[in-house]
Amino acid sequence: MPTLTGMELTVCLCTHNRPRYVADCLDGLALQTVPRKRFQTLIVDSGSTIAAHAELQILATRYPNTTLIRLDQPGVSLARNAGAQAAKTRFIAYIDDDAIPDPIWVAAIQNALDEPGAQPAVIGGRILPKWEAPLPLWWPASLRGVLSIIEHEGQGEYRTPDLPAKLEPYAANMIVDVQALLKAGGFGGNLGRHGTTLLSDEEVQLAWRLQDLGHSVRYDSRIVVHHQIQASRFRPEWLLARLYWQGFSTVLTRKTLGYRVAVWRELPRRLAVALLCAPLAAVPRSSTVLMGARWRLAYATGYLQAAFRQ
């Protein structure tokens, strides 16, 4: 099996108007325990302002083996696909611009890829929170995951008994075989963050598509990044919008992958939630009361709208 000798890994961080977070991420990459010549860094500027792009240009010159790519059209899926197309290595490691890699992040990736057996097409890693402010007490404990947090410890193939049933890969910390990604059509353009739209699951859609094609898609908690959780997200309005778009994204992913039966199987439950919780739509979105029921209403609303969408 090929081993990672020389420069065999591309690290890709996609960004939109957030040079401060990019600087923190690049500082983390500068502290990696492996020699800097072992990996390349691609910064993909997804339609940032002229001022933000100028800051990114300065940052790119400060770190060796770092290249800046500019896209005039914003969209995280477009940016990730551009990173894959520009990569000159077999594997690309995606990291969010507001994530800071553990000092042994690249070494852990290389070790995971060098393990005996067939190399996976996707490896999802652990994403630990780095809080900008304490998580509010009103925040439902079951919804830490919507902040792109993955705290499970262990290894195994996704969608098998080796891992929790609802565990999914997040592109905040995700390694992908470049050729497998491109052959599968890349990250879907119908999902992914774009402007204020909180569509998600583009990485889940890609991972399940590759797994359905017979590739191994694994989770490895030894590959760790620390996600800077923005305090600006700790608002009821943001959480309700995030859950609405998550319900919408879940249906789009299932339809795209041909899992339409799963959409209709879950539909009665989502419809029941929407009907039972409908009066709560009158509660001001800025209120924190009854969040347990209101986020379920938001998710069900997004789910139903996507299910009946032509």
Protein backbone atom coordinates (compact mmCIF):
# COMPACT_ATOMS: atom_id res chain seq x y z
CA MET A 1 0.00 0.00 0.00
CA PRO A 2 1.34 3.48 -0.82
CA THR A 3 2.58 5.49 2.15
CA LEU A 4 2.59 9.25 2.58
CA THR A 5 6.14 10.19 1.68
CA GLY A 6 7.08 13.70 0.64
CA MET A 7 4.23 16.13 0.13
CA GLU A 8 1.22 13.83 0.03
CA LEU A 9 -1.50 15.85 1.75
CA THR A 10 -3.32 19.04 0.84
CA VAL A 11 -4.98 20.99 3.63
CA CYS A 12 -7.90 23.10 2.39
CA LEU A 13 -9.64 25.84 4.32
CA CYS A 14 -12.49 27.72 2.66
CA THR A 15 -13.40 31.15 3.92
CA HIS A 16 -15.72 34.10 3.37
CA ASN A 17 -14.85 37.43 5.01
CA ARG A 18 -13.18 35.90 8.07
CA PRO A 19 -9.40 36.54 7.86
CA ARG A 20 -9.09 36.64 11.66
CA TYR A 21 -10.22 33.02 11.95
CA VAL A 22 -8.02 32.03 9.01
CA ALA A 23 -5.01 33.46 10.86
CA ASP A 24 -5.77 31.29 13.89
CA CYS A 25 -6.12 28.21 11.68
CA LEU A 26 -2.84 28.93 9.88
CA ASP A 27 -1.08 29.43 13.22
CA GLY A 28 -2.31 25.97 14.22
CA LEU A 29 -0.98 24.49 11.00
CA ALA A 30 2.39 26.15 11.65
CA LEU A 31 2.63 24.22 14.94
CA GLN A 32 2.21 20.76 13.37
CA THR A 33 4.67 18.14 14.55
CA VAL A 34 5.40 16.91 11.02
CA PRO A 35 7.79 18.88 8.77
CA ARG A 36 6.03 21.68 6.92
CA LYS A 37 7.22 20.27 3.60
CA ARG A 38 5.00 17.24 4.14
CA PHE A 39 1.77 19.10 3.35
CA GLN A 40 0.46 21.95 1.22
CA THR A 41 -2.15 24.49 2.36
CA LEU A 42 -4.84 25.89 0.07
CA ILE A 43 -6.89 28.88 1.18
CA VAL A 44 -10.00 29.22 -0.96
CA ASP A 45 -11.48 32.71 -0.74
CA SER A 46 -15.18 32.26 -1.43
CA GLY A 47 -16.21 35.70 -2.69
CA SER A 48 -14.86 37.80 0.18
CA THR A 49 -14.75 41.58 0.05
CA ILE A 50 -11.73 43.30 -1.49
CA ALA A 51 -10.48 44.27 1.96
CA ALA A 52 -10.80 40.74 3.37
CA HIS A 53 -9.12 39.27 0.30
CA ALA A 54 -6.19 41.68 0.74
CA GLU A 55 -5.76 40.42 4.32
CA LEU A 56 -5.82 36.83 3.07
CA GLN A 57 -3.11 37.65 0.52
CA ILE A 58 -0.87 38.91 3.31
CA LEU A 59 -1.56 35.84 5.43
CA ALA A 60 -0.75 33.47 2.56
CA THR A 61 2.71 34.96 2.20
CA ARG A 62 3.57 34.34 5.85
CA TYR A 63 3.38 30.55 5.75
CA PRO A 64 5.39 28.16 3.55
CA ASN A 65 3.63 25.96 0.97
CA THR A 66 0.49 28.09 1.19
CA THR A 67 -1.54 29.09 -1.88
CA LEU A 68 -4.54 31.44 -2.06
CA ILE A 69 -7.32 30.80 -4.59
CA ARG A 70 -9.98 33.43 -5.26
CA LEU A 71 -13.55 32.59 -6.34
CA ASP A 72 -15.82 35.49 -7.28
CA GLN A 73 -18.96 33.39 -6.74
CA PRO A 74 -19.50 32.56 -3.05
CA GLY A 75 -20.63 29.17 -1.81
CA VAL A 76 -18.87 26.64 0.39
CA SER A 77 -19.50 23.65 -1.89
CA LEU A 78 -18.03 25.54 -4.86
CA ALA A 79 -15.03 26.48 -2.73
CA ARG A 80 -14.41 22.92 -1.56
CA ASN A 81 -14.67 21.61 -5.11
CA ALA A 82 -12.19 24.26 -6.26
CA GLY A 83 -9.80 23.11 -3.57
CA ALA A 84 -10.06 19.50 -4.75
CA GLN A 85 -9.49 20.51 -8.37
CA ALA A 86 -6.37 22.47 -7.39
CA ALA A 87 -4.94 19.75 -5.13
CA LYS A 88 -1.90 17.90 -6.43
CA THR A 89 -1.96 15.18 -3.78
CA ARG A 90 -4.01 12.02 -3.42
CA PHE A 91 -5.79 13.21 -0.27
CA ILE A 92 -7.24 16.55 0.74
CA ALA A 93 -7.95 17.43 4.38
CA TYR A 94 -10.78 19.94 4.80
CA ILE A 95 -10.80 22.14 7.86
CA ASP A 96 -13.15 25.04 8.61
CA ASP A 97 -11.59 28.48 8.72
CA ASP A 98 -12.69 28.83 12.36
CA ALA A 99 -11.15 25.51 13.42
CA ILE A 100 -7.69 25.14 14.93
CA PRO A 101 -5.93 21.82 14.28
CA ASP A 102 -4.42 19.86 17.13
CA PRO A 103 -0.58 19.93 16.87
CA ILE A 104 -0.57 16.26 15.83
CA TRP A 105 -3.50 16.66 13.38
CA VAL A 106 -1.50 16.09 10.19
CA ALA A 107 0.51 13.29 11.81
CA ALA A 108 -2.71 11.58 12.94
CA ILE A 109 -4.11 11.84 9.39
CA GLN A 110 -0.96 10.35 7.93
CA ASN A 111 -0.96 7.54 10.48
CA ALA A 112 -4.62 6.74 9.76
CA LEU A 113 -3.96 6.60 6.01
CA ASP A 114 -0.87 4.43 6.47
CA GLU A 115 -2.70 1.77 8.49
CA PRO A 116 -2.95 -1.70 6.89
CA GLY A 117 -5.91 -2.41 4.65
CA ALA A 118 -7.72 -0.54 1.92
CA GLN A 119 -7.46 3.22 2.29
CA PRO A 120 -10.80 4.89 2.96
CA ALA A 121 -12.28 7.45 0.58
CA VAL A 122 -13.38 9.57 3.56
CA ILE A 123 -12.19 9.91 7.13
CA GLY A 124 -14.17 12.10 9.51
CA GLY A 125 -12.42 13.36 12.62
CA ARG A 126 -13.24 14.63 16.08
CA ILE A 127 -14.34 18.27 16.49
CA LEU A 128 -14.02 19.68 20.01
CA PRO A 129 -15.47 23.05 21.02
CA LYS A 130 -13.41 26.13 21.76
CA TRP A 131 -16.05 28.43 23.21
CA GLU A 132 -15.99 32.18 22.54
CA ALA A 133 -18.61 32.45 25.29
CA PRO A 134 -20.29 29.92 27.60
CA LEU A 135 -23.08 27.90 26.01
CA PRO A 136 -26.38 29.44 27.26
CA LEU A 137 -28.38 27.46 29.77
CA TRP A 138 -31.45 27.56 27.51
CA TRP A 139 -29.59 25.75 24.72
CA PRO A 140 -30.95 22.17 24.43
CA ALA A 141 -28.24 19.70 25.44
CA SER A 142 -29.10 17.43 22.51
CA LEU A 143 -28.26 20.18 20.01
CA ARG A 144 -24.53 20.65 20.60
CA GLY A 145 -24.02 18.90 17.27
CA VAL A 146 -25.59 21.74 15.25
CA LEU A 147 -22.56 23.79 16.30
CA SER A 148 -20.35 21.32 14.37
CA ILE A 149 -19.19 19.51 17.49
CA ILE A 150 -18.30 15.80 17.43
CA GLU A 151 -17.08 14.43 20.76
CA HIS A 152 -17.38 10.66 20.23
CA GLU A 153 -14.21 8.68 20.95
CA GLY A 154 -13.40 5.64 18.81
CA GLN A 155 -12.92 4.44 15.26
CA GLY A 156 -15.05 2.59 12.75
CA GLU A 157 -17.09 2.62 9.57
CA TYR A 158 -20.00 5.05 9.47
CA ARG A 159 -23.53 3.59 9.36
CA THR A 160 -22.41 0.35 11.02
CA PRO A 161 -22.74 -0.89 14.62
CA ASP A 162 -19.15 0.30 15.22
CA LEU A 163 -20.39 3.87 15.62
CA PRO A 164 -23.46 5.69 17.02
CA ALA A 165 -26.32 5.58 14.52
CA LYS A 166 -26.57 9.34 14.03
CA LEU A 167 -22.85 10.07 13.80
CA GLU A 168 -22.03 11.87 10.53
CA PRO A 169 -18.87 13.45 9.06
CA TYR A 170 -18.47 17.22 9.12
CA ALA A 171 -16.18 19.04 6.69
CA ALA A 172 -14.77 21.04 9.59
CA ASN A 173 -12.47 18.00 9.92
CA MET A 174 -12.73 15.63 6.98
CA ILE A 175 -10.15 13.89 4.79
CA VAL A 176 -11.16 12.82 1.28
CA ASP A 177 -9.57 10.90 -1.58
CA VAL A 178 -9.42 13.56 -4.28
CA GLN A 179 -10.01 11.30 -7.27
CA ALA A 180 -12.94 9.56 -5.57
CA LEU A 181 -14.43 12.96 -4.74
CA LEU A 182 -14.11 14.31 -8.27
CA LYS A 183 -15.36 11.09 -9.85
CA ALA A 184 -18.46 11.24 -7.63
CA GLY A 185 -19.20 14.78 -8.82
CA GLY A 186 -17.79 16.66 -5.84
CA PHE A 187 -19.77 18.44 -3.14
CA GLY A 188 -23.35 19.02 -4.27
CA GLY A 189 -24.16 22.56 -5.30
CA ASN A 190 -27.73 22.27 -3.96
CA LEU A 191 -26.42 22.18 -0.39
CA GLY A 192 -23.86 24.06 1.68
CA ARG A 193 -23.77 27.53 3.21
CA HIS A 194 -24.37 30.42 0.84
CA GLY A 195 -24.93 33.91 2.21
CA THR A 196 -27.42 33.77 5.08
CA THR A 197 -28.86 30.40 3.99
CA LEU A 198 -27.96 27.69 6.49
CA LEU A 199 -28.29 24.69 4.18
CA SER A 200 -25.97 21.91 5.29
CA ASP A 201 -25.15 18.21 4.85
CA GLU A 202 -23.16 18.61 1.63
CA GLU A 203 -20.36 16.58 3.22
CA VAL A 204 -22.82 13.94 4.45
CA GLN A 205 -24.27 13.65 0.96
CA LEU A 206 -20.78 13.13 -0.51
CA ALA A 207 -19.77 10.60 2.14
CA TRP A 208 -22.91 8.45 1.77
CA ARG A 209 -22.64 8.60 -2.02
CA LEU A 210 -19.07 7.28 -1.86
CA GLN A 211 -20.03 4.64 0.69
CA ASP A 212 -22.92 3.51 -1.52
CA LEU A 213 -20.39 3.15 -4.37
CA GLY A 214 -18.43 0.67 -2.27
CA HIS A 215 -15.79 2.93 -0.71
CA SER A 216 -14.85 2.82 2.94
CA VAL A 217 -16.03 5.91 4.87
CA ARG A 218 -14.59 5.94 8.36
CA TYR A 219 -14.50 7.93 11.58
CA ASP A 220 -11.29 8.32 13.59
CA SER A 221 -11.38 10.35 16.83
CA ARG A 222 -7.57 10.53 16.94
CA ILE A 223 -7.77 13.22 14.23
CA VAL A 224 -8.74 16.31 16.25
CA VAL A 225 -9.52 19.96 15.58
CA HIS A 226 -10.78 22.61 17.98
CA HIS A 227 -13.75 24.52 16.58
CA GLN A 228 -14.11 28.14 17.65
CA ILE A 229 -17.81 28.39 18.47
CA GLN A 230 -18.93 31.93 17.70
CA ALA A 231 -20.83 33.71 20.46
CA SER A 232 -23.02 35.34 17.79
CA ARG A 233 -24.71 31.97 17.27
CA PHE A 234 -26.05 31.85 20.81
CA ARG A 235 -29.37 33.42 19.88
CA PRO A 236 -32.76 31.69 19.63
CA GLU A 237 -33.23 33.12 16.13
CA TRP A 238 -30.00 31.49 14.89
CA LEU A 239 -30.83 28.13 16.44
CA LEU A 240 -34.36 28.05 15.01
CA ALA A 241 -33.08 29.00 11.55
CA ARG A 242 -30.35 26.36 11.80
CA LEU A 243 -32.89 23.65 12.66
CA TYR A 244 -35.28 24.74 9.91
CA TRP A 245 -32.52 24.45 7.33
CA GLN A 246 -31.35 21.16 8.85
CA GLY A 247 -34.78 19.65 8.27
CA PHE A 248 -34.74 21.02 4.72
CA SER A 249 -31.20 19.69 4.13
CA THR A 250 -32.04 16.22 5.42
CA VAL A 251 -34.79 15.83 2.83
CA LEU A 252 -32.64 17.19 -0.01
CA THR A 253 -29.87 14.76 0.86
CA ARG A 254 -32.22 11.78 0.96
CA LYS A 255 -33.84 12.74 -2.34
CA THR A 256 -30.50 13.28 -4.03
CA LEU A 257 -29.18 9.91 -2.88
CA GLY A 258 -32.36 8.08 -3.88
CA TYR A 259 -33.59 7.48 -0.32
CA ARG A 260 -37.10 8.76 -1.05
CA VAL A 261 -38.74 5.95 0.90
CA ALA A 262 -36.98 7.23 4.03
CA VAL A 263 -38.40 10.71 3.39
CA TRP A 264 -42.01 9.47 3.23
CA ARG A 265 -41.54 7.05 6.12
CA GLU A 266 -40.60 9.91 8.43
CA LEU A 267 -43.16 12.33 7.03
CA PRO A 268 -46.13 11.39 9.33
CA ARG A 269 -44.03 12.03 12.44
CA ARG A 270 -42.86 15.42 11.19
CA LEU A 271 -46.41 16.34 10.21
CA ALA A 272 -47.68 15.41 13.67
CA VAL A 273 -45.02 17.56 15.32
CA ALA A 274 -45.87 20.49 13.06
CA LEU A 275 -49.57 20.24 13.88
CA LEU A 276 -49.10 19.81 17.63
CA CYS A 277 -46.57 22.61 17.94
CA ALA A 278 -48.14 25.03 15.43
CA PRO A 279 -49.42 27.45 18.15
CA LEU A 280 -45.80 28.00 19.25
CA ALA A 281 -45.13 29.84 16.00
CA ALA A 282 -46.72 32.84 17.72
CA VAL A 283 -43.88 32.98 20.27
CA PRO A 284 -41.37 35.73 19.35
CA ARG A 285 -38.32 34.19 17.70
CA SER A 286 -36.05 36.04 20.12
CA SER A 287 -37.67 34.33 23.11
CA THR A 288 -35.99 31.39 24.85
CA VAL A 289 -39.19 29.88 26.26
CA LEU A 290 -40.23 26.35 25.24
CA MET A 291 -37.15 25.91 23.04
CA GLY A 292 -37.43 22.13 23.24
CA ALA A 293 -40.72 22.21 21.36
CA ARG A 294 -39.94 25.19 19.16
CA TRP A 295 -36.78 23.76 17.64
CA ARG A 296 -38.71 20.59 16.80
CA LEU A 297 -41.34 22.74 15.09
CA ALA A 298 -38.62 24.54 13.12
CA TYR A 299 -37.07 21.25 11.99
CA ALA A 300 -40.45 19.77 11.05
CA THR A 301 -41.36 22.90 9.07
CA GLY A 302 -38.17 22.71 7.04
CA TYR A 303 -38.60 18.98 6.54
CA LEU A 304 -42.17 19.32 5.29
CA GLN A 305 -41.40 22.21 2.96
CA ALA A 306 -38.56 20.25 1.34
CA ALA A 307 -40.59 17.04 1.18
CA PHE A 308 -43.42 18.64 -0.78
CA ARG A 309 -41.12 20.78 -2.90
CA GLN A 310 -41.22 19.95 -6.61
